[in-house]
Amino acid sequence: MAKKVKKETAELPPARAGLLRFWDEEAPGIKVKPDHILYACGIVAAILAILHAMASL
């Protein structure tokens, strides 16, 4: 009995057959993890808090 080759993409339910799947394609450009965005926001918030505290002296 021949084995079926597993597809590389995930199958969507039939009810969603017309919707686009954006995670199938790799777009060129910079790849940034969500963790890095959160760290950058935290650093910017800390710098702004320090500058605000220094301005009120």
PDB file of N, CA and C in Angstrom:
ATOM      1  N   MET A   1       0.846  -1.171   0.000  1.00  0.00           N
ATOM      2  CA  MET A   1       0.000   0.000   0.000  1.00  0.00           C
ATOM      3  C   MET A   1       0.892   1.236   0.000  1.00  0.00           C
ATOM      4  N   ALA A   2       0.633   2.154  -0.888  1.00  0.00           N
ATOM      5  CA  ALA A   2       1.447   3.364  -1.016  1.00  0.00           C
ATOM      6  C   ALA A   2       1.095   4.356   0.089  1.00  0.00           C
ATOM      7  N   LYS A   3       2.153   5.023   0.588  1.00  0.00           N
ATOM      8  CA  LYS A   3       1.938   6.034   1.625  1.00  0.00           C
ATOM      9  C   LYS A   3       1.556   7.351   0.972  1.00  0.00           C
ATOM     10  N   LYS A   4       0.699   8.093   1.635  1.00  0.00           N
ATOM     11  CA  LYS A   4       0.331   9.417   1.142  1.00  0.00           C
ATOM     12  C   LYS A   4       1.403  10.409   1.564  1.00  0.00           C
ATOM     13  N   VAL A   5       1.735  11.299   0.663  1.00  0.00           N
ATOM     14  CA  VAL A   5       2.700  12.341   0.974  1.00  0.00           C
ATOM     15  C   VAL A   5       1.970  13.458   1.705  1.00  0.00           C
ATOM     16  N   LYS A   6       2.500  13.821   2.875  1.00  0.00           N
ATOM     17  CA  LYS A   6       1.867  14.870   3.673  1.00  0.00           C
ATOM     18  C   LYS A   6       2.150  16.230   3.047  1.00  0.00           C
ATOM     19  N   LYS A   7       1.118  17.046   2.927  1.00  0.00           N
ATOM     20  CA  LYS A   7       1.273  18.387   2.367  1.00  0.00           C
ATOM     21  C   LYS A   7       1.987  19.273   3.372  1.00  0.00           C
ATOM     22  N   GLU A   8       2.738  20.248   2.871  1.00  0.00           N
ATOM     23  CA  GLU A   8       3.466  21.162   3.736  1.00  0.00           C
ATOM     24  C   GLU A   8       2.571  22.249   4.313  1.00  0.00           C
ATOM     25  N   THR A   9       1.441  22.516   3.697  1.00  0.00           N
ATOM     26  CA  THR A   9       0.558  23.569   4.185  1.00  0.00           C
ATOM     27  C   THR A   9      -0.588  22.954   4.973  1.00  0.00           C
ATOM     28  N   ALA A  10      -1.116  23.715   5.898  1.00  0.00           N
ATOM     29  CA  ALA A  10      -2.231  23.252   6.709  1.00  0.00           C
ATOM     30  C   ALA A  10      -3.528  23.352   5.914  1.00  0.00           C
ATOM     31  N   GLU A  11      -4.381  22.417   6.153  1.00  0.00           N
ATOM     32  CA  GLU A  11      -5.680  22.417   5.485  1.00  0.00           C
ATOM     33  C   GLU A  11      -6.659  23.262   6.291  1.00  0.00           C
ATOM     34  N   LEU A  12      -7.424  24.081   5.611  1.00  0.00           N
ATOM     35  CA  LEU A  12      -8.464  24.867   6.261  1.00  0.00           C
ATOM     36  C   LEU A  12      -9.782  24.113   6.194  1.00  0.00           C
ATOM     37  N   PRO A  13     -10.667  24.371   7.138  1.00  0.00           N
ATOM     38  CA  PRO A  13     -11.991  23.755   7.050  1.00  0.00           C
ATOM     39  C   PRO A  13     -12.721  24.234   5.793  1.00  0.00           C
ATOM     40  N   PRO A  14     -13.635  23.449   5.267  1.00  0.00           N
ATOM     41  CA  PRO A  14     -14.344  23.841   4.038  1.00  0.00           C
ATOM     42  C   PRO A  14     -15.099  25.161   4.161  1.00  0.00           C
ATOM     43  N   ALA A  15     -15.520  25.530   5.348  1.00  0.00           N
ATOM     44  CA  ALA A  15     -16.275  26.771   5.525  1.00  0.00           C
ATOM     45  C   ALA A  15     -15.412  28.003   5.262  1.00  0.00           C
ATOM     46  N   ARG A  16     -14.115  27.886   5.361  1.00  0.00           N
ATOM     47  CA  ARG A  16     -13.210  29.017   5.172  1.00  0.00           C
ATOM     48  C   ARG A  16     -12.426  28.905   3.859  1.00  0.00           C
ATOM     49  N   ALA A  17     -12.959  28.246   2.908  1.00  0.00           N
ATOM     50  CA  ALA A  17     -12.226  27.967   1.679  1.00  0.00           C
ATOM     51  C   ALA A  17     -11.853  29.219   0.895  1.00  0.00           C
ATOM     52  N   GLY A  18     -12.607  30.309   1.020  1.00  0.00           N
ATOM     53  CA  GLY A  18     -12.325  31.504   0.235  1.00  0.00           C
ATOM     54  C   GLY A  18     -11.410  32.508   0.919  1.00  0.00           C
ATOM     55  N   LEU A  19     -11.045  32.279   2.173  1.00  0.00           N
ATOM     56  CA  LEU A  19     -10.226  33.243   2.903  1.00  0.00           C
ATOM     57  C   LEU A  19      -8.747  33.081   2.566  1.00  0.00           C
ATOM     58  N   LEU A  20      -8.022  34.182   2.644  1.00  0.00           N
ATOM     59  CA  LEU A  20      -6.584  34.151   2.390  1.00  0.00           C
ATOM     60  C   LEU A  20      -5.837  33.665   3.623  1.00  0.00           C
ATOM     61  N   ARG A  21      -4.723  33.005   3.390  1.00  0.00           N
ATOM     62  CA  ARG A  21      -3.859  32.576   4.484  1.00  0.00           C
ATOM     63  C   ARG A  21      -2.525  33.277   4.306  1.00  0.00           C
ATOM     64  N   PHE A  22      -2.236  34.239   5.161  1.00  0.00           N
ATOM     65  CA  PHE A  22      -1.035  35.038   5.011  1.00  0.00           C
ATOM     66  C   PHE A  22       0.205  34.341   5.541  1.00  0.00           C
ATOM     67  N   TRP A  23       0.052  33.316   6.366  1.00  0.00           N
ATOM     68  CA  TRP A  23       1.218  32.668   6.941  1.00  0.00           C
ATOM     69  C   TRP A  23       1.866  31.664   5.995  1.00  0.00           C
ATOM     70  N   ASP A  24       1.301  31.454   4.834  1.00  0.00           N
ATOM     71  CA  ASP A  24       1.880  30.518   3.876  1.00  0.00           C
ATOM     72  C   ASP A  24       3.076  31.107   3.133  1.00  0.00           C
ATOM     73  N   GLU A  25       3.140  32.416   3.009  1.00  0.00           N
ATOM     74  CA  GLU A  25       4.180  33.041   2.200  1.00  0.00           C
ATOM     75  C   GLU A  25       5.220  33.724   3.076  1.00  0.00           C
ATOM     76  N   GLU A  26       6.469  33.620   2.675  1.00  0.00           N
ATOM     77  CA  GLU A  26       7.563  34.326   3.338  1.00  0.00           C
ATOM     78  C   GLU A  26       7.809  35.618   2.583  1.00  0.00           C
ATOM     79  N   ALA A  27       7.608  36.722   3.240  1.00  0.00           N
ATOM     80  CA  ALA A  27       7.824  38.022   2.611  1.00  0.00           C
ATOM     81  C   ALA A  27       9.269  38.460   2.832  1.00  0.00           C
ATOM     82  N   PRO A  28       9.864  39.132   1.850  1.00  0.00           N
ATOM     83  CA  PRO A  28      11.218  39.638   2.053  1.00  0.00           C
ATOM     84  C   PRO A  28      11.203  40.792   3.039  1.00  0.00           C
ATOM     85  N   GLY A  29      12.302  40.983   3.720  1.00  0.00           N
ATOM     86  CA  GLY A  29      12.399  42.095   4.661  1.00  0.00           C
ATOM     87  C   GLY A  29      12.905  41.642   6.011  1.00  0.00           C
ATOM     88  N   ILE A  30      12.850  42.562   6.951  1.00  0.00           N
ATOM     89  CA  ILE A  30      13.359  42.304   8.291  1.00  0.00           C
ATOM     90  C   ILE A  30      12.362  41.428   9.046  1.00  0.00           C
ATOM     91  N   LYS A  31      12.861  40.394   9.693  1.00  0.00           N
ATOM     92  CA  LYS A  31      12.035  39.526  10.518  1.00  0.00           C
ATOM     93  C   LYS A  31      12.234  39.942  11.972  1.00  0.00           C
ATOM     94  N   VAL A  32      11.160  40.357  12.638  1.00  0.00           N
ATOM     95  CA  VAL A  32      11.223  40.804  14.023  1.00  0.00           C
ATOM     96  C   VAL A  32      10.256  39.960  14.844  1.00  0.00           C
ATOM     97  N   LYS A  33      10.765  39.403  15.933  1.00  0.00           N
ATOM     98  CA  LYS A  33       9.914  38.617  16.816  1.00  0.00           C
ATOM     99  C   LYS A  33       9.075  39.547  17.681  1.00  0.00           C
ATOM    100  N   PRO A  34       7.902  39.108  18.090  1.00  0.00           N
ATOM    101  CA  PRO A  34       7.064  39.938  18.964  1.00  0.00           C
ATOM    102  C   PRO A  34       7.745  40.276  20.290  1.00  0.00           C
ATOM    103  N   ASP A  35       8.577  39.372  20.795  1.00  0.00           N
ATOM    104  CA  ASP A  35       9.301  39.635  22.045  1.00  0.00           C
ATOM    105  C   ASP A  35      10.190  40.857  21.908  1.00  0.00           C
ATOM    106  N   HIS A  36      10.856  40.990  20.773  1.00  0.00           N
ATOM    107  CA  HIS A  36      11.755  42.125  20.569  1.00  0.00           C
ATOM    108  C   HIS A  36      10.988  43.443  20.538  1.00  0.00           C
ATOM    109  N   ILE A  37       9.793  43.428  19.991  1.00  0.00           N
ATOM    110  CA  ILE A  37       8.962  44.638  19.984  1.00  0.00           C
ATOM    111  C   ILE A  37       8.583  45.024  21.411  1.00  0.00           C
ATOM    112  N   LEU A  38       8.215  44.032  22.222  1.00  0.00           N
ATOM    113  CA  LEU A  38       7.860  44.316  23.614  1.00  0.00           C
ATOM    114  C   LEU A  38       9.047  44.866  24.392  1.00  0.00           C
ATOM    115  N   TYR A  39      10.241  44.298  24.173  1.00  0.00           N
ATOM    116  CA  TYR A  39      11.438  44.800  24.859  1.00  0.00           C
ATOM    117  C   TYR A  39      11.734  46.235  24.435  1.00  0.00           C
ATOM    118  N   ALA A  40      11.623  46.514  23.159  1.00  0.00           N
ATOM    119  CA  ALA A  40      11.895  47.865  22.661  1.00  0.00           C
ATOM    120  C   ALA A  40      10.898  48.863  23.245  1.00  0.00           C
ATOM    121  N   CYS A  41       9.632  48.486  23.343  1.00  0.00           N
ATOM    122  CA  CYS A  41       8.627  49.377  23.941  1.00  0.00           C
ATOM    123  C   CYS A  41       8.931  49.626  25.410  1.00  0.00           C
ATOM    124  N   GLY A  42       9.366  48.600  26.118  1.00  0.00           N
ATOM    125  CA  GLY A  42       9.725  48.759  27.524  1.00  0.00           C
ATOM    126  C   GLY A  42      10.911  49.683  27.708  1.00  0.00           C
ATOM    127  N   ILE A  43      11.908  49.555  26.841  1.00  0.00           N
ATOM    128  CA  ILE A  43      13.093  50.416  26.916  1.00  0.00           C
ATOM    129  C   ILE A  43      12.720  51.859  26.619  1.00  0.00           C
ATOM    130  N   VAL A  44      11.914  52.070  25.595  1.00  0.00           N
ATOM    131  CA  VAL A  44      11.485  53.436  25.252  1.00  0.00           C
ATOM    132  C   VAL A  44      10.675  54.035  26.397  1.00  0.00           C
ATOM    133  N   ALA A  45       9.786  53.247  27.004  1.00  0.00           N
ATOM    134  CA  ALA A  45       8.985  53.744  28.124  1.00  0.00           C
ATOM    135  C   ALA A  45       9.872  54.100  29.312  1.00  0.00           C
ATOM    136  N   ALA A  46      10.896  53.285  29.585  1.00  0.00           N
ATOM    137  CA  ALA A  46      11.807  53.572  30.693  1.00  0.00           C
ATOM    138  C   ALA A  46      12.602  54.847  30.426  1.00  0.00           C
ATOM    139  N   ILE A  47      13.081  55.024  29.203  1.00  0.00           N
ATOM    140  CA  ILE A  47      13.834  56.236  28.852  1.00  0.00           C
ATOM    141  C   ILE A  47      12.943  57.464  28.988  1.00  0.00           C
ATOM    142  N   LEU A  48      11.713  57.379  28.521  1.00  0.00           N
ATOM    143  CA  LEU A  48      10.793  58.509  28.637  1.00  0.00           C
ATOM    144  C   LEU A  48      10.478  58.832  30.096  1.00  0.00           C
ATOM    145  N   ALA A  49      10.332  57.809  30.937  1.00  0.00           N
ATOM    146  CA  ALA A  49      10.068  58.042  32.358  1.00  0.00           C
ATOM    147  C   ALA A  49      11.260  58.719  33.025  1.00  0.00           C
ATOM    148  N   ILE A  50      12.472  58.300  32.680  1.00  0.00           N
ATOM    149  CA  ILE A  50      13.682  58.922  33.238  1.00  0.00           C
ATOM    150  C   ILE A  50      13.790  60.368  32.782  1.00  0.00           C
ATOM    151  N   LEU A  51      13.562  60.624  31.507  1.00  0.00           N
ATOM    152  CA  LEU A  51      13.629  61.998  30.998  1.00  0.00           C
ATOM    153  C   LEU A  51      12.554  62.880  31.635  1.00  0.00           C
ATOM    154  N   HIS A  52      11.380  62.333  31.847  1.00  0.00           N
ATOM    155  CA  HIS A  52      10.306  63.095  32.484  1.00  0.00           C
ATOM    156  C   HIS A  52      10.676  63.428  33.934  1.00  0.00           C
ATOM    157  N   ALA A  53      11.275  62.463  34.633  1.00  0.00           N
ATOM    158  CA  ALA A  53      11.692  62.696  36.018  1.00  0.00           C
ATOM    159  C   ALA A  53      12.809  63.731  36.081  1.00  0.00           C
ATOM    160  N   MET A  54      13.723  63.695  35.126  1.00  0.00           N
ATOM    161  CA  MET A  54      14.835  64.656  35.106  1.00  0.00           C
ATOM    162  C   MET A  54      14.337  66.057  34.758  1.00  0.00           C
ATOM    163  N   ALA A  55      13.311  66.163  33.945  1.00  0.00           N
ATOM    164  CA  ALA A  55      12.800  67.470  33.532  1.00  0.00           C
ATOM    165  C   ALA A  55      12.066  68.170  34.676  1.00  0.00           C
ATOM    166  N   SER A  56      11.514  67.401  35.599  1.00  0.00           N
ATOM    167  CA  SER A  56      10.772  68.016  36.697  1.00  0.00           C
ATOM    168  C   SER A  56      11.668  68.394  37.873  1.00  0.00           C
ATOM    169  N   LEU A  57      12.962  68.172  37.795  1.00  0.00           N
ATOM    170  CA  LEU A  57      13.885  68.540  38.887  1.00  0.00           C
ATOM    171  C   LEU A  57      14.113  70.005  38.946  1.00  0.00           C
TER     172      LEU A  57
END
